[in-house]
Amino acid sequence: MKRQENEKLYKVVLTGLMAALCYVCFTFLKIPIPTMGGDFVALHVGNAFCVLAALLLGGVYGGVAGALGMTVADLMDPVYVTSAPKTFILKFCIGLIAGFVAHRIAHITEAHDSRYIMKWTVISSALALGFNVIADPVVGYLYKNLILGIPEPAAKIMTTWAAGVTFVNAVAGMVVVTAVYTALRPILIRTGIFFHIK
């Protein structure tokens, strides 16, 4: 019972840490690209930490970490503040997808070898970030046009820019997740804090 309580506490603490990493990566390590009408898109690896959180903690905790960290980053930036609701939903979905693939389909554990882990890290990252490559521009277009009232031609141009940048972010994110997770996993196993996600 005590081990379960400790594990829950570790997960909550690590969820907060991963949310902070998502926030920092988006807020301080992004390259903003102006589009039109004062709108911006950004090159960043914040989404990589949504996926990493899901690999470490499971889909729900990972989704919460990504959603909270990236949404707070949007709320703190006047340029992105209107995107916060969309961000919350999409980043939560990134975590859910990555966690589902890694833990429900691949059932990764400390018993698996590095080849198996690398394969499923790439697959789960590709599916979660691939979802975002499709969903972010589509939801962004609908959100800008229907909720924010941006005219259709302008919303289409903004969506085109967002789609290209989101693809670049996804590729960079896959590289970051694979490198960090495969390096971090053996350390977590050695220290006894590798979580068994059920």
N, C-alpha and C. Protein backbone atom coordinates (compact mmCIF):
# COMPACT_ATOMS: atom_id res chain seq x y z
N MET A 1 0.83 -1.21 0.00
CA MET A 1 0.00 0.00 0.00
C MET A 1 0.87 1.26 0.00
N LYS A 2 1.91 1.25 0.85
CA LYS A 2 2.79 2.41 0.93
C LYS A 2 3.52 2.65 -0.39
N ARG A 3 3.93 1.55 -1.07
CA ARG A 3 4.61 1.68 -2.37
C ARG A 3 3.68 2.34 -3.39
N GLN A 4 2.39 1.95 -3.36
CA GLN A 4 1.42 2.55 -4.29
C GLN A 4 1.25 4.04 -4.02
N GLU A 5 1.21 4.41 -2.73
CA GLU A 5 1.09 5.82 -2.37
C GLU A 5 2.32 6.60 -2.83
N ASN A 6 3.50 6.01 -2.60
CA ASN A 6 4.75 6.66 -3.04
C ASN A 6 4.77 6.82 -4.56
N GLU A 7 4.34 5.77 -5.27
CA GLU A 7 4.33 5.82 -6.73
C GLU A 7 3.39 6.91 -7.22
N LYS A 8 2.22 7.05 -6.58
CA LYS A 8 1.28 8.11 -6.97
C LYS A 8 1.88 9.49 -6.73
N LEU A 9 2.56 9.64 -5.59
CA LEU A 9 3.19 10.91 -5.27
C LEU A 9 4.29 11.24 -6.29
N TYR A 10 5.13 10.25 -6.61
CA TYR A 10 6.16 10.44 -7.64
C TYR A 10 5.54 10.87 -8.96
N LYS A 11 4.43 10.22 -9.32
CA LYS A 11 3.78 10.54 -10.59
C LYS A 11 3.24 11.97 -10.60
N VAL A 12 2.67 12.39 -9.49
CA VAL A 12 2.15 13.76 -9.41
C VAL A 12 3.30 14.76 -9.50
N VAL A 13 4.39 14.49 -8.78
CA VAL A 13 5.55 15.38 -8.81
C VAL A 13 6.15 15.42 -10.22
N LEU A 14 6.31 14.25 -10.85
CA LEU A 14 6.88 14.21 -12.19
C LEU A 14 5.94 14.83 -13.23
N THR A 15 4.65 14.73 -12.99
CA THR A 15 3.69 15.41 -13.88
C THR A 15 3.92 16.91 -13.83
N GLY A 16 4.10 17.43 -12.63
CA GLY A 16 4.40 18.86 -12.47
C GLY A 16 5.72 19.24 -13.14
N LEU A 17 6.72 18.39 -12.96
CA LEU A 17 8.03 18.65 -13.58
C LEU A 17 7.92 18.65 -15.10
N MET A 18 7.22 17.67 -15.65
CA MET A 18 7.07 17.60 -17.11
C MET A 18 6.24 18.77 -17.64
N ALA A 19 5.23 19.19 -16.87
CA ALA A 19 4.44 20.37 -17.27
C ALA A 19 5.36 21.59 -17.32
N ALA A 20 6.24 21.71 -16.32
CA ALA A 20 7.18 22.84 -16.29
C ALA A 20 8.13 22.78 -17.49
N LEU A 21 8.60 21.57 -17.85
CA LEU A 21 9.49 21.43 -19.02
C LEU A 21 8.77 21.82 -20.31
N CYS A 22 7.50 21.40 -20.44
CA CYS A 22 6.71 21.81 -21.61
C CYS A 22 6.62 23.34 -21.67
N TYR A 23 6.33 23.94 -20.53
CA TYR A 23 6.21 25.40 -20.44
C TYR A 23 7.52 26.08 -20.85
N VAL A 24 8.63 25.63 -20.26
CA VAL A 24 9.93 26.24 -20.52
C VAL A 24 10.32 26.09 -21.99
N CYS A 25 10.12 24.89 -22.55
CA CYS A 25 10.49 24.66 -23.95
C CYS A 25 9.70 25.55 -24.90
N PHE A 26 8.43 25.76 -24.60
CA PHE A 26 7.64 26.60 -25.49
C PHE A 26 7.91 28.08 -25.25
N THR A 27 8.02 28.48 -24.00
CA THR A 27 8.15 29.90 -23.67
C THR A 27 9.53 30.46 -24.01
N PHE A 28 10.57 29.70 -23.69
CA PHE A 28 11.92 30.25 -23.80
C PHE A 28 12.76 29.66 -24.94
N LEU A 29 12.34 28.54 -25.49
CA LEU A 29 13.15 27.89 -26.52
C LEU A 29 12.45 27.82 -27.87
N LYS A 30 11.54 28.74 -28.12
CA LYS A 30 10.82 28.73 -29.39
C LYS A 30 11.38 29.77 -30.34
N ILE A 31 11.14 29.53 -31.62
CA ILE A 31 11.48 30.51 -32.65
C ILE A 31 10.16 30.96 -33.27
N PRO A 32 9.68 32.16 -32.89
CA PRO A 32 8.40 32.63 -33.43
C PRO A 32 8.52 33.04 -34.90
N ILE A 33 7.48 32.70 -35.66
CA ILE A 33 7.43 33.06 -37.07
C ILE A 33 6.13 33.83 -37.30
N PRO A 34 6.23 35.13 -37.65
CA PRO A 34 5.00 35.90 -37.88
C PRO A 34 4.31 35.44 -39.16
N THR A 35 2.98 35.39 -39.14
CA THR A 35 2.23 35.04 -40.35
C THR A 35 1.52 36.29 -40.85
N MET A 36 0.25 36.44 -40.56
CA MET A 36 -0.47 37.63 -41.01
C MET A 36 -1.42 38.09 -39.93
N GLY A 37 -1.78 39.34 -39.98
CA GLY A 37 -2.74 39.87 -39.02
C GLY A 37 -2.25 39.82 -37.59
N GLY A 38 -0.93 39.86 -37.39
CA GLY A 38 -0.38 39.82 -36.03
C GLY A 38 -0.32 38.42 -35.45
N ASP A 39 -0.64 37.40 -36.25
CA ASP A 39 -0.60 36.02 -35.76
C ASP A 39 0.81 35.46 -35.88
N PHE A 40 1.11 34.45 -35.06
CA PHE A 40 2.42 33.81 -35.07
C PHE A 40 2.27 32.30 -35.03
N VAL A 41 3.23 31.61 -35.60
CA VAL A 41 3.43 30.19 -35.36
C VAL A 41 4.84 30.09 -34.77
N ALA A 42 5.20 28.93 -34.21
CA ALA A 42 6.51 28.85 -33.56
C ALA A 42 7.15 27.49 -33.76
N LEU A 43 8.45 27.50 -34.03
CA LEU A 43 9.23 26.27 -34.01
C LEU A 43 9.60 26.01 -32.55
N HIS A 44 9.29 24.81 -32.05
CA HIS A 44 9.59 24.49 -30.65
C HIS A 44 9.56 22.97 -30.46
N VAL A 45 10.06 22.52 -29.32
CA VAL A 45 10.01 21.08 -29.00
C VAL A 45 9.16 20.81 -27.76
N GLY A 46 8.27 21.71 -27.44
CA GLY A 46 7.39 21.52 -26.28
C GLY A 46 6.56 20.25 -26.38
N ASN A 47 6.08 19.93 -27.59
CA ASN A 47 5.27 18.72 -27.76
C ASN A 47 6.06 17.45 -27.46
N ALA A 48 7.37 17.50 -27.66
CA ALA A 48 8.21 16.34 -27.36
C ALA A 48 8.10 15.97 -25.89
N PHE A 49 7.97 16.97 -25.04
CA PHE A 49 7.88 16.68 -23.60
C PHE A 49 6.50 16.19 -23.20
N CYS A 50 5.47 16.49 -24.02
CA CYS A 50 4.15 15.85 -23.81
C CYS A 50 4.29 14.34 -24.03
N VAL A 51 4.97 13.97 -25.12
CA VAL A 51 5.17 12.56 -25.45
C VAL A 51 6.07 11.90 -24.41
N LEU A 52 7.15 12.56 -24.05
CA LEU A 52 8.07 12.01 -23.05
C LEU A 52 7.36 11.76 -21.73
N ALA A 53 6.52 12.69 -21.32
CA ALA A 53 5.75 12.52 -20.08
C ALA A 53 4.85 11.28 -20.17
N ALA A 54 4.24 11.06 -21.32
CA ALA A 54 3.36 9.90 -21.50
C ALA A 54 4.16 8.60 -21.47
N LEU A 55 5.37 8.61 -22.02
CA LEU A 55 6.21 7.41 -21.99
C LEU A 55 6.64 7.10 -20.56
N LEU A 56 6.93 8.14 -19.80
CA LEU A 56 7.41 7.95 -18.43
C LEU A 56 6.28 7.64 -17.45
N LEU A 57 5.12 8.27 -17.64
CA LEU A 57 4.08 8.23 -16.61
C LEU A 57 2.76 7.60 -17.05
N GLY A 58 2.61 7.35 -18.34
CA GLY A 58 1.33 6.86 -18.86
C GLY A 58 0.58 7.98 -19.55
N GLY A 59 -0.42 7.60 -20.32
CA GLY A 59 -1.13 8.55 -21.16
C GLY A 59 -1.86 9.65 -20.42
N VAL A 60 -2.55 9.32 -19.34
CA VAL A 60 -3.34 10.34 -18.63
C VAL A 60 -2.42 11.36 -17.97
N TYR A 61 -1.45 10.87 -17.19
CA TYR A 61 -0.52 11.80 -16.53
C TYR A 61 0.27 12.60 -17.57
N GLY A 62 0.72 11.93 -18.63
CA GLY A 62 1.46 12.62 -19.69
C GLY A 62 0.61 13.66 -20.38
N GLY A 63 -0.65 13.31 -20.65
CA GLY A 63 -1.56 14.26 -21.27
C GLY A 63 -1.82 15.46 -20.39
N VAL A 64 -1.99 15.22 -19.10
CA VAL A 64 -2.21 16.32 -18.15
C VAL A 64 -0.98 17.22 -18.11
N ALA A 65 0.21 16.62 -18.05
CA ALA A 65 1.45 17.40 -18.01
C ALA A 65 1.56 18.30 -19.25
N GLY A 66 1.37 17.71 -20.43
CA GLY A 66 1.47 18.47 -21.66
C GLY A 66 0.40 19.55 -21.75
N ALA A 67 -0.83 19.18 -21.40
CA ALA A 67 -1.94 20.14 -21.48
C ALA A 67 -1.72 21.31 -20.54
N LEU A 68 -1.33 21.03 -19.30
CA LEU A 68 -1.13 22.12 -18.34
C LEU A 68 0.06 23.00 -18.72
N GLY A 69 1.19 22.37 -19.02
CA GLY A 69 2.39 23.15 -19.33
C GLY A 69 2.23 24.03 -20.54
N MET A 70 1.70 23.46 -21.61
CA MET A 70 1.57 24.22 -22.86
C MET A 70 0.43 25.26 -22.78
N THR A 71 -0.64 24.94 -22.04
CA THR A 71 -1.74 25.89 -21.89
C THR A 71 -1.30 27.09 -21.06
N VAL A 72 -0.58 26.84 -19.98
CA VAL A 72 -0.07 27.95 -19.17
C VAL A 72 0.87 28.82 -20.01
N ALA A 73 1.70 28.18 -20.84
CA ALA A 73 2.59 28.94 -21.73
C ALA A 73 1.77 29.84 -22.66
N ASP A 74 0.68 29.33 -23.21
CA ASP A 74 -0.18 30.14 -24.06
C ASP A 74 -0.81 31.30 -23.27
N LEU A 75 -1.29 30.99 -22.07
CA LEU A 75 -1.97 32.02 -21.26
C LEU A 75 -1.03 33.15 -20.85
N MET A 76 0.26 32.84 -20.72
CA MET A 76 1.23 33.84 -20.29
C MET A 76 1.77 34.68 -21.45
N ASP A 77 1.40 34.34 -22.67
CA ASP A 77 1.91 35.04 -23.85
C ASP A 77 0.74 35.70 -24.57
N PRO A 78 0.71 37.04 -24.65
CA PRO A 78 -0.44 37.71 -25.28
C PRO A 78 -0.68 37.30 -26.72
N VAL A 79 0.36 36.85 -27.42
CA VAL A 79 0.19 36.43 -28.82
C VAL A 79 -0.60 35.13 -28.91
N TYR A 80 -0.41 34.21 -27.94
CA TYR A 80 -1.01 32.88 -28.01
C TYR A 80 -2.19 32.68 -27.06
N VAL A 81 -2.54 33.69 -26.30
CA VAL A 81 -3.55 33.51 -25.25
C VAL A 81 -4.88 32.98 -25.80
N THR A 82 -5.26 33.40 -26.99
CA THR A 82 -6.54 32.94 -27.55
C THR A 82 -6.49 31.47 -27.97
N SER A 83 -5.29 30.91 -28.10
CA SER A 83 -5.14 29.50 -28.50
C SER A 83 -5.19 28.53 -27.32
N ALA A 84 -5.26 29.04 -26.10
CA ALA A 84 -5.15 28.20 -24.91
C ALA A 84 -6.17 27.04 -24.86
N PRO A 85 -7.46 27.26 -25.14
CA PRO A 85 -8.40 26.13 -25.08
C PRO A 85 -8.06 25.02 -26.07
N LYS A 86 -7.71 25.43 -27.30
CA LYS A 86 -7.32 24.46 -28.33
C LYS A 86 -6.06 23.71 -27.89
N THR A 87 -5.10 24.42 -27.34
CA THR A 87 -3.85 23.82 -26.88
C THR A 87 -4.12 22.76 -25.82
N PHE A 88 -4.97 23.09 -24.85
CA PHE A 88 -5.25 22.15 -23.76
C PHE A 88 -5.76 20.82 -24.31
N ILE A 89 -6.72 20.88 -25.20
CA ILE A 89 -7.32 19.65 -25.75
C ILE A 89 -6.31 18.86 -26.59
N LEU A 90 -5.61 19.54 -27.49
CA LEU A 90 -4.68 18.84 -28.38
C LEU A 90 -3.50 18.23 -27.64
N LYS A 91 -2.93 18.94 -26.67
CA LYS A 91 -1.78 18.40 -25.94
C LYS A 91 -2.19 17.23 -25.05
N PHE A 92 -3.39 17.30 -24.50
CA PHE A 92 -3.89 16.16 -23.72
C PHE A 92 -4.02 14.94 -24.62
N CYS A 93 -4.52 15.15 -25.82
CA CYS A 93 -4.65 14.04 -26.79
C CYS A 93 -3.29 13.47 -27.19
N ILE A 94 -2.28 14.33 -27.36
CA ILE A 94 -0.94 13.84 -27.69
C ILE A 94 -0.47 12.87 -26.61
N GLY A 95 -0.63 13.25 -25.35
CA GLY A 95 -0.23 12.38 -24.25
C GLY A 95 -1.01 11.08 -24.22
N LEU A 96 -2.32 11.17 -24.41
CA LEU A 96 -3.15 9.96 -24.40
C LEU A 96 -2.73 8.98 -25.49
N ILE A 97 -2.49 9.49 -26.69
CA ILE A 97 -2.11 8.62 -27.82
C ILE A 97 -0.76 7.98 -27.57
N ALA A 98 0.23 8.79 -27.17
CA ALA A 98 1.58 8.24 -26.93
C ALA A 98 1.55 7.20 -25.82
N GLY A 99 0.84 7.50 -24.75
CA GLY A 99 0.74 6.55 -23.63
C GLY A 99 0.01 5.28 -24.01
N PHE A 100 -1.05 5.41 -24.78
CA PHE A 100 -1.82 4.24 -25.20
C PHE A 100 -0.96 3.31 -26.06
N VAL A 101 -0.26 3.88 -27.02
CA VAL A 101 0.56 3.06 -27.92
C VAL A 101 1.71 2.39 -27.14
N ALA A 102 2.40 3.17 -26.33
CA ALA A 102 3.57 2.64 -25.61
C ALA A 102 3.20 1.64 -24.53
N HIS A 103 2.12 1.91 -23.80
CA HIS A 103 1.82 1.10 -22.62
C HIS A 103 0.67 0.10 -22.80
N ARG A 104 -0.26 0.39 -23.69
CA ARG A 104 -1.38 -0.54 -23.89
C ARG A 104 -1.16 -1.48 -25.07
N ILE A 105 -0.45 -1.00 -26.09
CA ILE A 105 -0.18 -1.84 -27.26
C ILE A 105 1.18 -2.53 -27.12
N ALA A 106 2.24 -1.72 -26.86
CA ALA A 106 3.59 -2.30 -26.78
C ALA A 106 3.90 -2.88 -25.41
N HIS A 107 3.18 -2.43 -24.38
CA HIS A 107 3.41 -2.90 -23.00
C HIS A 107 4.88 -2.81 -22.60
N ILE A 108 5.51 -1.64 -22.83
CA ILE A 108 6.93 -1.52 -22.52
C ILE A 108 7.18 -1.69 -21.02
N THR A 109 8.20 -2.45 -20.70
CA THR A 109 8.62 -2.68 -19.31
C THR A 109 10.14 -2.62 -19.26
N GLU A 110 10.68 -2.77 -18.04
CA GLU A 110 12.14 -2.77 -17.92
C GLU A 110 12.76 -4.03 -18.50
N ALA A 111 11.94 -5.05 -18.78
CA ALA A 111 12.46 -6.31 -19.32
C ALA A 111 12.79 -6.22 -20.82
N HIS A 112 12.23 -5.25 -21.49
CA HIS A 112 12.47 -5.14 -22.94
C HIS A 112 13.85 -4.59 -23.25
N ASP A 113 14.41 -5.08 -24.36
CA ASP A 113 15.74 -4.60 -24.75
C ASP A 113 15.65 -3.23 -25.42
N SER A 114 16.81 -2.60 -25.61
CA SER A 114 16.85 -1.24 -26.12
C SER A 114 16.29 -1.12 -27.54
N ARG A 115 16.43 -2.18 -28.33
CA ARG A 115 15.90 -2.15 -29.70
C ARG A 115 14.37 -2.06 -29.70
N TYR A 116 13.76 -2.90 -28.87
CA TYR A 116 12.30 -2.90 -28.75
C TYR A 116 11.82 -1.53 -28.26
N ILE A 117 12.50 -1.00 -27.26
CA ILE A 117 12.13 0.30 -26.70
C ILE A 117 12.27 1.41 -27.74
N MET A 118 13.37 1.40 -28.47
CA MET A 118 13.56 2.44 -29.48
C MET A 118 12.46 2.36 -30.55
N LYS A 119 12.16 1.14 -30.99
CA LYS A 119 11.12 0.96 -32.01
C LYS A 119 9.79 1.53 -31.54
N TRP A 120 9.37 1.18 -30.33
CA TRP A 120 8.07 1.63 -29.84
C TRP A 120 8.08 3.10 -29.41
N THR A 121 9.24 3.61 -29.05
CA THR A 121 9.35 5.05 -28.77
C THR A 121 9.11 5.83 -30.05
N VAL A 122 9.73 5.39 -31.13
CA VAL A 122 9.54 6.06 -32.43
C VAL A 122 8.09 5.94 -32.88
N ILE A 123 7.53 4.74 -32.76
CA ILE A 123 6.14 4.53 -33.21
C ILE A 123 5.16 5.38 -32.40
N SER A 124 5.28 5.35 -31.08
CA SER A 124 4.34 6.12 -30.25
C SER A 124 4.51 7.62 -30.48
N SER A 125 5.77 8.06 -30.64
CA SER A 125 6.02 9.48 -30.92
C SER A 125 5.43 9.87 -32.28
N ALA A 126 5.66 9.03 -33.28
CA ALA A 126 5.17 9.32 -34.63
C ALA A 126 3.64 9.40 -34.67
N LEU A 127 2.98 8.49 -33.98
CA LEU A 127 1.51 8.50 -34.00
C LEU A 127 0.95 9.69 -33.22
N ALA A 128 1.52 9.98 -32.05
CA ALA A 128 1.02 11.10 -31.24
C ALA A 128 1.30 12.44 -31.92
N LEU A 129 2.53 12.62 -32.39
CA LEU A 129 2.88 13.88 -33.04
C LEU A 129 2.28 13.97 -34.44
N GLY A 130 2.09 12.82 -35.09
CA GLY A 130 1.40 12.79 -36.39
C GLY A 130 -0.05 13.22 -36.25
N PHE A 131 -0.69 12.77 -35.17
CA PHE A 131 -2.05 13.24 -34.86
C PHE A 131 -2.05 14.76 -34.79
N ASN A 132 -1.06 15.32 -34.10
CA ASN A 132 -1.00 16.77 -33.92
C ASN A 132 -0.76 17.50 -35.25
N VAL A 133 0.02 16.89 -36.14
CA VAL A 133 0.27 17.50 -37.45
C VAL A 133 -1.04 17.67 -38.22
N ILE A 134 -1.95 16.72 -38.06
CA ILE A 134 -3.25 16.79 -38.74
C ILE A 134 -4.24 17.63 -37.94
N ALA A 135 -4.35 17.35 -36.65
CA ALA A 135 -5.38 17.97 -35.83
C ALA A 135 -5.13 19.45 -35.56
N ASP A 136 -3.88 19.83 -35.33
CA ASP A 136 -3.59 21.23 -34.97
C ASP A 136 -4.04 22.21 -36.06
N PRO A 137 -3.68 21.99 -37.33
CA PRO A 137 -4.16 22.92 -38.36
C PRO A 137 -5.68 22.87 -38.57
N VAL A 138 -6.25 21.66 -38.52
CA VAL A 138 -7.70 21.54 -38.75
C VAL A 138 -8.47 22.23 -37.62
N VAL A 139 -8.13 21.88 -36.38
CA VAL A 139 -8.81 22.49 -35.23
C VAL A 139 -8.49 23.99 -35.19
N GLY A 140 -7.24 24.34 -35.52
CA GLY A 140 -6.85 25.75 -35.54
C GLY A 140 -7.67 26.56 -36.53
N TYR A 141 -7.88 25.99 -37.72
CA TYR A 141 -8.68 26.68 -38.74
C TYR A 141 -10.11 26.88 -38.24
N LEU A 142 -10.73 25.80 -37.74
CA LEU A 142 -12.11 25.90 -37.25
C LEU A 142 -12.21 26.89 -36.08
N TYR A 143 -11.23 26.82 -35.19
CA TYR A 143 -11.21 27.70 -34.02
C TYR A 143 -11.09 29.17 -34.45
N LYS A 144 -10.14 29.44 -35.36
CA LYS A 144 -9.93 30.81 -35.82
C LYS A 144 -11.15 31.34 -36.58
N ASN A 145 -11.71 30.50 -37.45
CA ASN A 145 -12.81 30.94 -38.30
C ASN A 145 -14.13 31.00 -37.55
N LEU A 146 -14.49 29.95 -36.83
CA LEU A 146 -15.81 29.86 -36.21
C LEU A 146 -15.89 30.52 -34.84
N ILE A 147 -14.82 30.42 -34.05
CA ILE A 147 -14.87 30.96 -32.67
C ILE A 147 -14.33 32.39 -32.63
N LEU A 148 -13.15 32.59 -33.24
CA LEU A 148 -12.53 33.92 -33.18
C LEU A 148 -13.04 34.86 -34.28
N GLY A 149 -13.76 34.31 -35.27
CA GLY A 149 -14.35 35.15 -36.32
C GLY A 149 -13.37 35.68 -37.35
N ILE A 150 -12.23 35.02 -37.50
CA ILE A 150 -11.26 35.43 -38.52
C ILE A 150 -11.82 35.01 -39.88
N PRO A 151 -11.80 35.90 -40.88
CA PRO A 151 -12.35 35.55 -42.19
C PRO A 151 -11.69 34.30 -42.78
N GLU A 152 -12.45 33.56 -43.57
CA GLU A 152 -12.00 32.28 -44.10
C GLU A 152 -10.68 32.35 -44.87
N PRO A 153 -10.47 33.30 -45.78
CA PRO A 153 -9.19 33.33 -46.52
C PRO A 153 -7.99 33.50 -45.58
N ALA A 154 -8.11 34.38 -44.60
CA ALA A 154 -7.01 34.60 -43.65
C ALA A 154 -6.79 33.36 -42.79
N ALA A 155 -7.87 32.73 -42.36
CA ALA A 155 -7.76 31.52 -41.54
C ALA A 155 -7.07 30.40 -42.33
N LYS A 156 -7.36 30.32 -43.63
CA LYS A 156 -6.72 29.29 -44.47
C LYS A 156 -5.21 29.52 -44.59
N ILE A 157 -4.82 30.78 -44.77
CA ILE A 157 -3.39 31.10 -44.88
C ILE A 157 -2.69 30.77 -43.56
N MET A 158 -3.29 31.16 -42.45
CA MET A 158 -2.71 30.87 -41.14
C MET A 158 -2.58 29.36 -40.92
N THR A 159 -3.59 28.63 -41.37
CA THR A 159 -3.59 27.17 -41.23
C THR A 159 -2.47 26.53 -42.05
N THR A 160 -2.24 27.04 -43.24
CA THR A 160 -1.17 26.52 -44.09
C THR A 160 0.18 26.69 -43.42
N TRP A 161 0.43 27.86 -42.88
CA TRP A 161 1.68 28.11 -42.14
C TRP A 161 1.78 27.17 -40.94
N ALA A 162 0.68 27.06 -40.20
CA ALA A 162 0.68 26.22 -38.99
C ALA A 162 0.96 24.76 -39.33
N ALA A 163 0.42 24.28 -40.46
CA ALA A 163 0.62 22.88 -40.85
C ALA A 163 2.10 22.60 -41.13
N GLY A 164 2.76 23.50 -41.84
CA GLY A 164 4.18 23.31 -42.15
C GLY A 164 5.05 23.33 -40.91
N VAL A 165 4.80 24.30 -40.05
CA VAL A 165 5.59 24.43 -38.82
C VAL A 165 5.32 23.25 -37.88
N THR A 166 4.08 22.81 -37.80
CA THR A 166 3.73 21.69 -36.93
C THR A 166 4.44 20.41 -37.40
N PHE A 167 4.57 20.24 -38.70
CA PHE A 167 5.29 19.08 -39.23
C PHE A 167 6.77 19.12 -38.82
N VAL A 168 7.40 20.28 -38.97
CA VAL A 168 8.81 20.43 -38.57
C VAL A 168 8.96 20.17 -37.07
N ASN A 169 8.04 20.71 -36.26
CA ASN A 169 8.06 20.48 -34.81
C ASN A 169 7.93 18.99 -34.49
N ALA A 170 7.09 18.29 -35.25
CA ALA A 170 6.88 16.86 -35.01
C ALA A 170 8.14 16.05 -35.28
N VAL A 171 8.81 16.35 -36.37
CA VAL A 171 10.05 15.63 -36.72
C VAL A 171 11.11 15.90 -35.65
N ALA A 172 11.29 17.17 -35.28
CA ALA A 172 12.26 17.51 -34.24
C ALA A 172 11.88 16.86 -32.92
N GLY A 173 10.59 16.85 -32.62
CA GLY A 173 10.11 16.23 -31.38
C GLY A 173 10.39 14.75 -31.31
N MET A 174 10.20 14.05 -32.44
CA MET A 174 10.49 12.61 -32.46
C MET A 174 11.96 12.33 -32.15
N VAL A 175 12.84 13.14 -32.70
CA VAL A 175 14.28 12.98 -32.46
C VAL A 175 14.59 13.21 -30.98
N VAL A 176 14.02 14.29 -30.42
CA VAL A 176 14.27 14.62 -29.01
C VAL A 176 13.73 13.52 -28.09
N VAL A 177 12.50 13.08 -28.32
CA VAL A 177 11.89 12.05 -27.48
C VAL A 177 12.71 10.77 -27.52
N THR A 178 13.06 10.32 -28.70
CA THR A 178 13.81 9.07 -28.84
C THR A 178 15.15 9.17 -28.12
N ALA A 179 15.86 10.26 -28.32
CA ALA A 179 17.17 10.43 -27.68
C ALA A 179 17.05 10.49 -26.16
N VAL A 180 16.12 11.31 -25.67
CA VAL A 180 16.01 11.51 -24.22
C VAL A 180 15.46 10.27 -23.53
N TYR A 181 14.40 9.67 -24.08
CA TYR A 181 13.80 8.52 -23.41
C TYR A 181 14.74 7.32 -23.38
N THR A 182 15.42 7.04 -24.49
CA THR A 182 16.31 5.88 -24.51
C THR A 182 17.52 6.11 -23.59
N ALA A 183 17.91 7.35 -23.38
CA ALA A 183 19.01 7.64 -22.44
C ALA A 183 18.53 7.62 -20.99
N LEU A 184 17.32 8.10 -20.75
CA LEU A 184 16.79 8.23 -19.39
C LEU A 184 16.29 6.92 -18.81
N ARG A 185 15.74 6.07 -19.65
CA ARG A 185 15.13 4.82 -19.19
C ARG A 185 16.06 3.94 -18.36
N PRO A 186 17.29 3.65 -18.81
CA PRO A 186 18.18 2.81 -17.99
C PRO A 186 18.49 3.42 -16.62
N ILE A 187 18.56 4.75 -16.57
CA ILE A 187 18.82 5.42 -15.29
C ILE A 187 17.64 5.22 -14.34
N LEU A 188 16.42 5.37 -14.87
CA LEU A 188 15.22 5.18 -14.06
C LEU A 188 15.12 3.75 -13.55
N ILE A 189 15.48 2.79 -14.39
CA ILE A 189 15.45 1.39 -13.98
C ILE A 189 16.45 1.14 -12.86
N ARG A 190 17.68 1.67 -13.02
CA ARG A 190 18.72 1.48 -12.01
C ARG A 190 18.34 2.10 -10.67
N THR A 191 17.68 3.26 -10.72
CA THR A 191 17.32 3.94 -9.47
C THR A 191 16.00 3.45 -8.88
N GLY A 192 15.32 2.56 -9.61
CA GLY A 192 14.09 1.97 -9.09
C GLY A 192 12.86 2.83 -9.24
N ILE A 193 12.90 3.85 -10.10
CA ILE A 193 11.69 4.67 -10.28
C ILE A 193 11.11 4.57 -11.69
N PHE A 194 11.37 3.43 -12.35
CA PHE A 194 10.70 3.14 -13.62
C PHE A 194 9.30 2.65 -13.29
N PHE A 195 8.29 3.36 -13.79
CA PHE A 195 6.90 3.04 -13.44
C PHE A 195 6.34 1.93 -14.31
N HIS A 196 5.63 1.02 -13.69
CA HIS A 196 4.90 -0.01 -14.42
C HIS A 196 3.51 0.55 -14.69
N ILE A 197 3.26 0.88 -15.93
CA ILE A 197 1.97 1.45 -16.29
C ILE A 197 1.01 0.31 -16.61
N LYS A 198 -0.14 0.33 -15.95
CA LYS A 198 -1.11 -0.75 -16.18
C LYS A 198 -2.24 -0.25 -17.02
